[in-house]
Amino acid sequence: MAASHIFKIMFVNQGKVYEIYARKVHHGNLFGFIEIEELVFGERSSVVVDPGEERVKGEFEGVKRTWLPLHSVLRIDEVKKQGVSKITAFEGGNIAQFPGPIYSPPPGSEGPRK
């Protein structure tokens, strides 16, 4: 029987850190984006309901696949078992990352200089 892969993806969105789980993670056809497929959430059969996970689940309800910008991804881990998806406050203080180019053009390709 083939091993089942589960990935924990942590990313920043609108000042909050999201932690979600998925079965497939790869670079997509969109330049500068990571493609996430088959999101995994806890089973509804449990008696205890985690409101944090329900919030994430509601936000991604009906999503077949999502693309995350490379600069928003904090880390991607392959884990043995699924944890609880959650949204937490970003504790970065007053420091923010500016969106920037993914790559720099090679020297001399800027065109003629005046």
C-alpha atoms as a PDB file:
ATOM      1  CA  MET A   1       0.000   0.000   0.000  1.00  0.00           C
ATOM      2  CA  ALA A   2       1.381   3.432  -0.956  1.00  0.00           C
ATOM      3  CA  ALA A   3       2.237   5.881   1.807  1.00  0.00           C
ATOM      4  CA  SER A   4      -0.178   8.754   2.223  1.00  0.00           C
ATOM      5  CA  HIS A   5       1.561  12.126   2.141  1.00  0.00           C
ATOM      6  CA  ILE A   6       0.272  15.006   4.259  1.00  0.00           C
ATOM      7  CA  PHE A   7       1.806  18.472   4.028  1.00  0.00           C
ATOM      8  CA  LYS A   8       1.508  21.255   6.585  1.00  0.00           C
ATOM      9  CA  ILE A   9       1.587  24.647   4.861  1.00  0.00           C
ATOM     10  CA  MET A  10       2.092  27.860   6.829  1.00  0.00           C
ATOM     11  CA  PHE A  11       1.543  31.172   5.059  1.00  0.00           C
ATOM     12  CA  VAL A  12       0.738  34.811   5.805  1.00  0.00           C
ATOM     13  CA  ASN A  13      -2.500  36.358   4.556  1.00  0.00           C
ATOM     14  CA  GLN A  14      -3.821  39.811   5.550  1.00  0.00           C
ATOM     15  CA  GLY A  15      -1.727  40.006   8.710  1.00  0.00           C
ATOM     16  CA  LYS A  16      -2.574  36.508   9.972  1.00  0.00           C
ATOM     17  CA  VAL A  17      -0.670  33.212   9.856  1.00  0.00           C
ATOM     18  CA  TYR A  18      -2.635  30.338   8.331  1.00  0.00           C
ATOM     19  CA  GLU A  19      -1.744  26.710   8.985  1.00  0.00           C
ATOM     20  CA  ILE A  20      -3.457  24.257   6.649  1.00  0.00           C
ATOM     21  CA  TYR A  21      -2.969  20.621   5.644  1.00  0.00           C
ATOM     22  CA  ALA A  22      -3.089  19.195   2.125  1.00  0.00           C
ATOM     23  CA  ARG A  23      -2.261  16.012   0.246  1.00  0.00           C
ATOM     24  CA  LYS A  24      -0.668  17.684  -2.802  1.00  0.00           C
ATOM     25  CA  VAL A  25       1.723  20.629  -2.978  1.00  0.00           C
ATOM     26  CA  HIS A  26       3.701  21.630  -6.069  1.00  0.00           C
ATOM     27  CA  HIS A  27       4.730  24.588  -8.177  1.00  0.00           C
ATOM     28  CA  GLY A  28       1.886  25.464 -10.464  1.00  0.00           C
ATOM     29  CA  ASN A  29       1.712  26.863 -13.961  1.00  0.00           C
ATOM     30  CA  LEU A  30       1.417  30.393 -12.576  1.00  0.00           C
ATOM     31  CA  PHE A  31       4.876  31.905 -12.176  1.00  0.00           C
ATOM     32  CA  GLY A  32       5.656  32.761  -8.558  1.00  0.00           C
ATOM     33  CA  PHE A  33       2.874  30.660  -7.008  1.00  0.00           C
ATOM     34  CA  ILE A  34       2.675  27.365  -5.091  1.00  0.00           C
ATOM     35  CA  GLU A  35      -0.302  25.154  -5.983  1.00  0.00           C
ATOM     36  CA  ILE A  36      -2.114  23.444  -3.095  1.00  0.00           C
ATOM     37  CA  GLU A  37      -4.637  20.642  -3.771  1.00  0.00           C
ATOM     38  CA  GLU A  38      -6.803  18.291  -1.715  1.00  0.00           C
ATOM     39  CA  LEU A  39      -7.058  20.308   1.492  1.00  0.00           C
ATOM     40  CA  VAL A  40      -7.543  18.104   4.561  1.00  0.00           C
ATOM     41  CA  PHE A  41      -9.609  19.020   7.622  1.00  0.00           C
ATOM     42  CA  GLY A  42     -10.615  17.107  10.766  1.00  0.00           C
ATOM     43  CA  GLU A  43     -13.492  14.676  10.634  1.00  0.00           C
ATOM     44  CA  ARG A  44     -16.949  15.990  11.573  1.00  0.00           C
ATOM     45  CA  SER A  45     -17.688  12.755  13.448  1.00  0.00           C
ATOM     46  CA  SER A  46     -15.870  13.966  16.553  1.00  0.00           C
ATOM     47  CA  VAL A  47     -17.935  15.391  19.397  1.00  0.00           C
ATOM     48  CA  VAL A  48     -15.535  18.257  20.125  1.00  0.00           C
ATOM     49  CA  VAL A  49     -15.551  21.005  17.479  1.00  0.00           C
ATOM     50  CA  ASP A  50     -12.570  23.357  17.273  1.00  0.00           C
ATOM     51  CA  PRO A  51     -13.826  26.859  16.340  1.00  0.00           C
ATOM     52  CA  GLY A  52     -10.414  27.795  14.899  1.00  0.00           C
ATOM     53  CA  GLU A  53     -10.449  24.883  12.486  1.00  0.00           C
ATOM     54  CA  GLU A  54     -14.089  25.542  11.608  1.00  0.00           C
ATOM     55  CA  ARG A  55     -13.127  29.112  10.633  1.00  0.00           C
ATOM     56  CA  VAL A  56     -10.395  27.868   8.277  1.00  0.00           C
ATOM     57  CA  LYS A  57     -12.688  25.163   6.935  1.00  0.00           C
ATOM     58  CA  GLY A  58     -15.403  27.729   6.222  1.00  0.00           C
ATOM     59  CA  GLU A  59     -12.960  30.005   4.418  1.00  0.00           C
ATOM     60  CA  PHE A  60     -11.773  27.185   2.137  1.00  0.00           C
ATOM     61  CA  GLU A  61     -15.187  25.538   1.700  1.00  0.00           C
ATOM     62  CA  GLY A  62     -15.709  24.452  -1.905  1.00  0.00           C
ATOM     63  CA  VAL A  63     -12.063  25.158  -2.858  1.00  0.00           C
ATOM     64  CA  LYS A  64     -10.676  22.431  -5.109  1.00  0.00           C
ATOM     65  CA  ARG A  65      -7.236  24.005  -5.459  1.00  0.00           C
ATOM     66  CA  THR A  66      -5.581  27.216  -4.347  1.00  0.00           C
ATOM     67  CA  TRP A  67      -2.456  29.102  -5.376  1.00  0.00           C
ATOM     68  CA  LEU A  68      -0.291  30.888  -2.803  1.00  0.00           C
ATOM     69  CA  PRO A  69       2.246  33.579  -3.727  1.00  0.00           C
ATOM     70  CA  LEU A  70       5.794  32.417  -3.009  1.00  0.00           C
ATOM     71  CA  HIS A  71       6.539  35.444  -0.847  1.00  0.00           C
ATOM     72  CA  SER A  72       3.645  34.634   1.516  1.00  0.00           C
ATOM     73  CA  VAL A  73       4.696  31.026   2.253  1.00  0.00           C
ATOM     74  CA  LEU A  74       6.546  30.654   5.558  1.00  0.00           C
ATOM     75  CA  ARG A  75       7.214  26.918   5.391  1.00  0.00           C
ATOM     76  CA  ILE A  76       5.985  23.609   3.998  1.00  0.00           C
ATOM     77  CA  ASP A  77       6.521  20.415   6.005  1.00  0.00           C
ATOM     78  CA  GLU A  78       5.737  16.815   5.124  1.00  0.00           C
ATOM     79  CA  VAL A  79       4.230  15.367   8.308  1.00  0.00           C
ATOM     80  CA  LYS A  80       3.289  11.862   9.427  1.00  0.00           C
ATOM     81  CA  LYS A  81      -0.199  12.795  10.595  1.00  0.00           C
ATOM     82  CA  GLN A  82      -2.583  15.680  10.226  1.00  0.00           C
ATOM     83  CA  GLY A  83      -2.858  18.329  12.911  1.00  0.00           C
ATOM     84  CA  VAL A  84      -5.436  21.043  13.472  1.00  0.00           C
ATOM     85  CA  SER A  85      -5.760  23.791  10.856  1.00  0.00           C
ATOM     86  CA  LYS A  86      -5.769  27.256  12.398  1.00  0.00           C
ATOM     87  CA  ILE A  87      -5.400  30.986  11.927  1.00  0.00           C
ATOM     88  CA  THR A  88      -3.231  32.899  14.397  1.00  0.00           C
ATOM     89  CA  ALA A  89      -2.135  36.505  14.760  1.00  0.00           C
ATOM     90  CA  PHE A  90       1.099  37.393  12.994  1.00  0.00           C
ATOM     91  CA  GLU A  91       3.572  38.382  15.696  1.00  0.00           C
ATOM     92  CA  GLY A  92       6.113  40.148  13.536  1.00  0.00           C
ATOM     93  CA  GLY A  93       6.019  43.444  15.427  1.00  0.00           C
ATOM     94  CA  ASN A  94       6.204  46.501  13.207  1.00  0.00           C
ATOM     95  CA  ILE A  95       8.304  44.755  10.553  1.00  0.00           C
ATOM     96  CA  ALA A  96       6.668  43.941   7.221  1.00  0.00           C
ATOM     97  CA  GLN A  97       7.974  42.302   4.077  1.00  0.00           C
ATOM     98  CA  PHE A  98       7.659  44.304   0.894  1.00  0.00           C
ATOM     99  CA  PRO A  99       6.603  42.359  -2.176  1.00  0.00           C
ATOM    100  CA  GLY A 100       9.533  42.290  -4.529  1.00  0.00           C
ATOM    101  CA  PRO A 101      10.625  40.684  -7.752  1.00  0.00           C
ATOM    102  CA  ILE A 102      11.254  36.958  -7.666  1.00  0.00           C
ATOM    103  CA  TYR A 103      14.347  37.275  -9.821  1.00  0.00           C
ATOM    104  CA  SER A 104      16.603  40.021 -11.126  1.00  0.00           C
ATOM    105  CA  PRO A 105      17.276  40.494 -14.833  1.00  0.00           C
ATOM    106  CA  PRO A 106      20.776  39.514 -15.947  1.00  0.00           C
ATOM    107  CA  PRO A 107      23.356  42.333 -16.121  1.00  0.00           C
ATOM    108  CA  GLY A 108      23.238  44.250 -19.375  1.00  0.00           C
ATOM    109  CA  SER A 109      19.629  43.383 -20.196  1.00  0.00           C
ATOM    110  CA  GLU A 110      18.182  46.673 -18.918  1.00  0.00           C
ATOM    111  CA  GLY A 111      18.592  48.310 -22.307  1.00  0.00           C
ATOM    112  CA  PRO A 112      20.772  51.201 -23.456  1.00  0.00           C
ATOM    113  CA  ARG A 113      21.875  53.755 -20.882  1.00  0.00           C
ATOM    114  CA  LYS A 114      21.856  57.473 -21.524  1.00  0.00           C
END
